[in-house]
Amino acid sequence: MTTTPRAQGATVWLTGLPSAGKTTIARVLAGRLRSEGHRVEVLDGDEIRRFLSAGLGFSREDRHTNVQRIGLVAEVLARNGVLAVVPVIAPYADSREAVRKRHDASGTPYFEVHVATPVEVCSERDVKGLYARQAAGRLKGLTGVDDPYEAPVDPALVLQTQNQTPQESADAVHAVLAARGLA
């Protein structure tokens, strides 16, 4: 009986401010990877909050718990040959580091990508109206405005989305994966 080699999975964690472009890049990247025959799952932060993390608030502790739950799911998927693309703010460096360590412990590739869009650009995009609500005093704790965002110190890639299209950003992430034999 012969077995086919299992596809190598990995987690690509897209971190950045709200409206930075994380989900758009993730969808473009996932589409390309699927068209190449890869098994891909996008673990969108908003969807995870509605289902897996329903009931959690936005305190530091709840945000950490949310990131750890997503990190566990991503690591299990990646360990089993899926490319897990994770567009999640994950504002705290220690939370992201815990996810990285989980991946390291299982020998599963993990790539942190900083979607480094300036807050002014994110505020102009304001995809979900968060910045407008915060400016009007109807929202407190907006990451990068009145709640901290700890930018990655040593990401695998930094994307300046104000200077490139979502396709160009997705292509840059794909190039990182390809350079490591994962795409």
C-alpha atoms as a PDB file:
ATOM      1  CA  MET A   1       0.000   0.000   0.000  1.00  0.00           C
ATOM      2  CA  THR A   2       1.455   3.344  -0.996  1.00  0.00           C
ATOM      3  CA  THR A   3       0.590   6.611   0.589  1.00  0.00           C
ATOM      4  CA  THR A   4       0.703   9.996  -0.967  1.00  0.00           C
ATOM      5  CA  PRO A   5       2.799  12.524   0.867  1.00  0.00           C
ATOM      6  CA  ARG A   6       0.738  14.827   3.004  1.00  0.00           C
ATOM      7  CA  ALA A   7       0.643  18.482   2.005  1.00  0.00           C
ATOM      8  CA  GLN A   8       2.575  20.746   4.334  1.00  0.00           C
ATOM      9  CA  GLY A   9       0.361  23.212   6.133  1.00  0.00           C
ATOM     10  CA  ALA A  10       1.229  26.536   7.710  1.00  0.00           C
ATOM     11  CA  THR A  11      -0.395  29.443   9.472  1.00  0.00           C
ATOM     12  CA  VAL A  12      -0.203  32.912   7.977  1.00  0.00           C
ATOM     13  CA  TRP A  13      -1.267  35.401  10.649  1.00  0.00           C
ATOM     14  CA  LEU A  14      -2.162  38.829   9.237  1.00  0.00           C
ATOM     15  CA  THR A  15      -2.064  41.309  12.121  1.00  0.00           C
ATOM     16  CA  GLY A  16      -2.811  45.013  11.927  1.00  0.00           C
ATOM     17  CA  LEU A  17      -5.256  47.740  12.835  1.00  0.00           C
ATOM     18  CA  PRO A  18      -8.989  47.626  12.037  1.00  0.00           C
ATOM     19  CA  SER A  19      -9.546  48.439   8.330  1.00  0.00           C
ATOM     20  CA  ALA A  20      -5.875  47.805   7.513  1.00  0.00           C
ATOM     21  CA  GLY A  21      -6.824  45.352   4.745  1.00  0.00           C
ATOM     22  CA  LYS A  22      -6.196  42.037   6.518  1.00  0.00           C
ATOM     23  CA  THR A  23      -9.378  40.243   5.442  1.00  0.00           C
ATOM     24  CA  THR A  24      -9.221  41.528   1.869  1.00  0.00           C
ATOM     25  CA  ILE A  25      -5.627  40.311   1.522  1.00  0.00           C
ATOM     26  CA  ALA A  26      -6.538  36.980   3.135  1.00  0.00           C
ATOM     27  CA  ARG A  27      -9.375  36.388   0.662  1.00  0.00           C
ATOM     28  CA  VAL A  28      -7.229  37.252  -2.353  1.00  0.00           C
ATOM     29  CA  LEU A  29      -4.393  35.038  -1.088  1.00  0.00           C
ATOM     30  CA  ALA A  30      -6.761  32.157  -0.298  1.00  0.00           C
ATOM     31  CA  GLY A  31      -8.275  32.345  -3.773  1.00  0.00           C
ATOM     32  CA  ARG A  32      -4.869  32.105  -5.398  1.00  0.00           C
ATOM     33  CA  LEU A  33      -3.750  29.255  -3.156  1.00  0.00           C
ATOM     34  CA  ARG A  34      -6.960  27.310  -3.831  1.00  0.00           C
ATOM     35  CA  SER A  35      -6.556  27.817  -7.564  1.00  0.00           C
ATOM     36  CA  GLU A  36      -3.114  26.213  -7.207  1.00  0.00           C
ATOM     37  CA  GLY A  37      -4.670  23.179  -5.523  1.00  0.00           C
ATOM     38  CA  HIS A  38      -3.867  23.944  -1.884  1.00  0.00           C
ATOM     39  CA  ARG A  39      -6.192  23.237   1.012  1.00  0.00           C
ATOM     40  CA  VAL A  40      -6.897  26.636   2.574  1.00  0.00           C
ATOM     41  CA  GLU A  41      -9.032  27.970   5.398  1.00  0.00           C
ATOM     42  CA  VAL A  42      -9.503  31.629   6.244  1.00  0.00           C
ATOM     43  CA  LEU A  43     -10.121  32.100   9.965  1.00  0.00           C
ATOM     44  CA  ASP A  44     -11.673  35.557   9.896  1.00  0.00           C
ATOM     45  CA  GLY A  45     -11.599  37.354  13.228  1.00  0.00           C
ATOM     46  CA  ASP A  46     -15.167  38.671  12.936  1.00  0.00           C
ATOM     47  CA  GLU A  47     -16.573  35.210  12.168  1.00  0.00           C
ATOM     48  CA  ILE A  48     -14.601  33.625  15.009  1.00  0.00           C
ATOM     49  CA  ARG A  49     -15.919  36.242  17.439  1.00  0.00           C
ATOM     50  CA  ARG A  50     -19.513  35.459  16.411  1.00  0.00           C
ATOM     51  CA  PHE A  51     -19.172  31.718  16.895  1.00  0.00           C
ATOM     52  CA  LEU A  52     -16.084  30.301  18.641  1.00  0.00           C
ATOM     53  CA  SER A  53     -15.577  33.316  20.893  1.00  0.00           C
ATOM     54  CA  ALA A  54     -19.171  34.463  21.361  1.00  0.00           C
ATOM     55  CA  GLY A  55     -19.579  36.077  24.745  1.00  0.00           C
ATOM     56  CA  LEU A  56     -16.046  37.429  24.964  1.00  0.00           C
ATOM     57  CA  GLY A  57     -15.635  41.158  25.322  1.00  0.00           C
ATOM     58  CA  PHE A  58     -12.702  43.368  24.400  1.00  0.00           C
ATOM     59  CA  SER A  59     -10.763  43.447  27.663  1.00  0.00           C
ATOM     60  CA  ARG A  60      -7.094  42.501  27.424  1.00  0.00           C
ATOM     61  CA  GLU A  61      -7.897  39.094  28.956  1.00  0.00           C
ATOM     62  CA  ASP A  62     -10.783  38.427  26.556  1.00  0.00           C
ATOM     63  CA  ARG A  63      -8.723  39.518  23.550  1.00  0.00           C
ATOM     64  CA  HIS A  64      -5.940  37.147  24.675  1.00  0.00           C
ATOM     65  CA  THR A  65      -8.425  34.274  25.058  1.00  0.00           C
ATOM     66  CA  ASN A  66      -9.840  34.985  21.594  1.00  0.00           C
ATOM     67  CA  VAL A  67      -6.379  34.983  20.003  1.00  0.00           C
ATOM     68  CA  GLN A  68      -5.445  31.733  21.769  1.00  0.00           C
ATOM     69  CA  ARG A  69      -8.612  30.017  20.528  1.00  0.00           C
ATOM     70  CA  ILE A  70      -7.938  31.130  16.978  1.00  0.00           C
ATOM     71  CA  GLY A  71      -4.295  30.120  17.332  1.00  0.00           C
ATOM     72  CA  LEU A  72      -5.257  26.623  18.444  1.00  0.00           C
ATOM     73  CA  VAL A  73      -7.623  26.125  15.500  1.00  0.00           C
ATOM     74  CA  ALA A  74      -5.030  27.498  13.065  1.00  0.00           C
ATOM     75  CA  GLU A  75      -2.293  25.249  14.440  1.00  0.00           C
ATOM     76  CA  VAL A  76      -4.480  22.127  14.268  1.00  0.00           C
ATOM     77  CA  LEU A  77      -5.457  22.927  10.678  1.00  0.00           C
ATOM     78  CA  ALA A  78      -1.876  23.714   9.664  1.00  0.00           C
ATOM     79  CA  ARG A  79      -0.508  20.619  11.397  1.00  0.00           C
ATOM     80  CA  ASN A  80      -2.933  18.625   9.256  1.00  0.00           C
ATOM     81  CA  GLY A  81      -1.848  20.020   5.909  1.00  0.00           C
ATOM     82  CA  VAL A  82      -4.079  23.084   5.593  1.00  0.00           C
ATOM     83  CA  LEU A  83      -2.826  26.583   4.897  1.00  0.00           C
ATOM     84  CA  ALA A  84      -4.592  28.588   7.623  1.00  0.00           C
ATOM     85  CA  VAL A  85      -4.824  32.260   6.728  1.00  0.00           C
ATOM     86  CA  VAL A  86      -5.732  34.292   9.807  1.00  0.00           C
ATOM     87  CA  PRO A  87      -6.737  37.965   9.377  1.00  0.00           C
ATOM     88  CA  VAL A  88      -7.048  38.923  13.056  1.00  0.00           C
ATOM     89  CA  ILE A  89      -5.978  42.148  14.778  1.00  0.00           C
ATOM     90  CA  ALA A  90      -4.337  40.339  17.736  1.00  0.00           C
ATOM     91  CA  PRO A  91      -3.171  43.608  19.286  1.00  0.00           C
ATOM     92  CA  TYR A  92      -0.872  42.205  21.971  1.00  0.00           C
ATOM     93  CA  ALA A  93       2.599  40.864  21.236  1.00  0.00           C
ATOM     94  CA  ASP A  94       2.477  38.311  24.082  1.00  0.00           C
ATOM     95  CA  SER A  95      -0.722  36.786  22.681  1.00  0.00           C
ATOM     96  CA  ARG A  96       0.807  36.415  19.227  1.00  0.00           C
ATOM     97  CA  GLU A  97       3.995  35.013  20.751  1.00  0.00           C
ATOM     98  CA  ALA A  98       1.996  32.352  22.592  1.00  0.00           C
ATOM     99  CA  VAL A  99       0.450  31.326  19.256  1.00  0.00           C
ATOM    100  CA  ARG A 100       3.908  31.208  17.656  1.00  0.00           C
ATOM    101  CA  LYS A 101       5.181  28.999  20.502  1.00  0.00           C
ATOM    102  CA  ARG A 102       2.238  26.597  20.049  1.00  0.00           C
ATOM    103  CA  HIS A 103       3.210  26.247  16.396  1.00  0.00           C
ATOM    104  CA  ASP A 104       6.896  25.847  17.224  1.00  0.00           C
ATOM    105  CA  ALA A 105       6.100  23.100  19.749  1.00  0.00           C
ATOM    106  CA  SER A 106       4.366  21.046  17.053  1.00  0.00           C
ATOM    107  CA  GLY A 107       6.891  21.878  14.316  1.00  0.00           C
ATOM    108  CA  THR A 108       4.224  23.731  12.350  1.00  0.00           C
ATOM    109  CA  PRO A 109       5.256  26.688  10.162  1.00  0.00           C
ATOM    110  CA  TYR A 110       3.953  30.052  11.371  1.00  0.00           C
ATOM    111  CA  PHE A 111       4.340  33.353   9.548  1.00  0.00           C
ATOM    112  CA  GLU A 112       3.398  36.654  11.117  1.00  0.00           C
ATOM    113  CA  VAL A 113       2.594  39.328   8.557  1.00  0.00           C
ATOM    114  CA  HIS A 114       2.242  42.918   9.744  1.00  0.00           C
ATOM    115  CA  VAL A 115      -0.362  44.738   7.683  1.00  0.00           C
ATOM    116  CA  ALA A 116       1.197  48.068   8.648  1.00  0.00           C
ATOM    117  CA  THR A 117      -1.402  50.462   7.344  1.00  0.00           C
ATOM    118  CA  PRO A 118      -1.215  53.823   9.177  1.00  0.00           C
ATOM    119  CA  VAL A 119      -4.145  54.614  11.475  1.00  0.00           C
ATOM    120  CA  GLU A 120      -4.993  57.673   9.347  1.00  0.00           C
ATOM    121  CA  VAL A 121      -5.478  55.471   6.269  1.00  0.00           C
ATOM    122  CA  CYS A 122      -7.457  52.901   8.273  1.00  0.00           C
ATOM    123  CA  SER A 123      -9.667  55.702   9.600  1.00  0.00           C
ATOM    124  CA  GLU A 124     -10.360  56.906   6.046  1.00  0.00           C
ATOM    125  CA  ARG A 125     -11.244  53.377   4.922  1.00  0.00           C
ATOM    126  CA  ASP A 126     -13.323  52.723   8.070  1.00  0.00           C
ATOM    127  CA  VAL A 127     -14.830  49.575   6.581  1.00  0.00           C
ATOM    128  CA  LYS A 128     -17.065  48.861   9.590  1.00  0.00           C
ATOM    129  CA  GLY A 129     -17.621  52.426  10.801  1.00  0.00           C
ATOM    130  CA  LEU A 130     -15.549  51.827  13.936  1.00  0.00           C
ATOM    131  CA  TYR A 131     -13.444  54.968  13.643  1.00  0.00           C
ATOM    132  CA  ALA A 132     -16.524  57.137  13.080  1.00  0.00           C
ATOM    133  CA  ARG A 133     -18.235  55.602  16.117  1.00  0.00           C
ATOM    134  CA  GLN A 134     -15.113  56.143  18.218  1.00  0.00           C
ATOM    135  CA  ALA A 135     -14.797  59.780  17.056  1.00  0.00           C
ATOM    136  CA  ALA A 136     -18.464  60.347  17.943  1.00  0.00           C
ATOM    137  CA  GLY A 137     -17.886  58.957  21.443  1.00  0.00           C
ATOM    138  CA  ARG A 138     -20.014  55.861  20.844  1.00  0.00           C
ATOM    139  CA  LEU A 139     -17.113  53.384  20.970  1.00  0.00           C
ATOM    140  CA  LYS A 140     -14.308  53.001  23.484  1.00  0.00           C
ATOM    141  CA  GLY A 141     -11.305  50.702  23.266  1.00  0.00           C
ATOM    142  CA  LEU A 142     -10.651  50.966  19.518  1.00  0.00           C
ATOM    143  CA  THR A 143      -7.346  49.267  18.792  1.00  0.00           C
ATOM    144  CA  GLY A 144      -4.720  51.760  17.704  1.00  0.00           C
ATOM    145  CA  VAL A 145      -6.763  54.782  18.792  1.00  0.00           C
ATOM    146  CA  ASP A 146      -7.660  54.531  22.477  1.00  0.00           C
ATOM    147  CA  ASP A 147      -6.513  50.954  23.073  1.00  0.00           C
ATOM    148  CA  PRO A 148      -2.970  49.718  22.383  1.00  0.00           C
ATOM    149  CA  TYR A 149      -1.693  47.922  19.317  1.00  0.00           C
ATOM    150  CA  GLU A 150       1.738  46.375  19.736  1.00  0.00           C
ATOM    151  CA  ALA A 151       3.260  46.110  16.283  1.00  0.00           C
ATOM    152  CA  PRO A 152       5.301  42.990  15.538  1.00  0.00           C
ATOM    153  CA  VAL A 153       9.020  43.379  16.182  1.00  0.00           C
ATOM    154  CA  ASP A 154      10.233  40.743  13.710  1.00  0.00           C
ATOM    155  CA  PRO A 155       7.449  39.755  11.287  1.00  0.00           C
ATOM    156  CA  ALA A 156       8.087  37.536   8.286  1.00  0.00           C
ATOM    157  CA  LEU A 157       6.727  40.357   6.110  1.00  0.00           C
ATOM    158  CA  VAL A 158       5.527  43.953   6.452  1.00  0.00           C
ATOM    159  CA  LEU A 159       2.824  45.165   4.062  1.00  0.00           C
ATOM    160  CA  GLN A 160       2.305  48.880   3.459  1.00  0.00           C
ATOM    161  CA  THR A 161      -1.191  48.609   2.000  1.00  0.00           C
ATOM    162  CA  GLN A 162      -1.494  52.326   1.437  1.00  0.00           C
ATOM    163  CA  ASN A 163       1.170  51.888  -1.280  1.00  0.00           C
ATOM    164  CA  GLN A 164      -0.057  48.692  -2.965  1.00  0.00           C
ATOM    165  CA  THR A 165      -3.195  46.938  -4.125  1.00  0.00           C
ATOM    166  CA  PRO A 166      -4.686  43.984  -2.232  1.00  0.00           C
ATOM    167  CA  GLN A 167      -3.445  41.767  -5.078  1.00  0.00           C
ATOM    168  CA  GLU A 168       0.109  43.066  -4.701  1.00  0.00           C
ATOM    169  CA  SER A 169      -0.072  42.498  -0.940  1.00  0.00           C
ATOM    170  CA  ALA A 170      -1.393  38.955  -1.425  1.00  0.00           C
ATOM    171  CA  ASP A 171       1.334  38.293  -4.000  1.00  0.00           C
ATOM    172  CA  ALA A 172       3.988  39.372  -1.479  1.00  0.00           C
ATOM    173  CA  VAL A 173       2.611  36.924   1.110  1.00  0.00           C
ATOM    174  CA  HIS A 174       2.454  34.197  -1.542  1.00  0.00           C
ATOM    175  CA  ALA A 175       6.121  34.855  -2.359  1.00  0.00           C
ATOM    176  CA  VAL A 176       7.063  34.259   1.307  1.00  0.00           C
ATOM    177  CA  LEU A 177       5.187  30.954   1.266  1.00  0.00           C
ATOM    178  CA  ALA A 178       6.694  29.959  -2.083  1.00  0.00           C
ATOM    179  CA  ALA A 179      10.226  30.744  -0.875  1.00  0.00           C
ATOM    180  CA  ARG A 180       9.673  28.192   1.907  1.00  0.00           C
ATOM    181  CA  GLY A 181       8.181  25.577  -0.403  1.00  0.00           C
ATOM    182  CA  LEU A 182       4.634  26.011   0.926  1.00  0.00           C
ATOM    183  CA  ALA A 183       3.013  27.483  -2.193  1.00  0.00           C
END
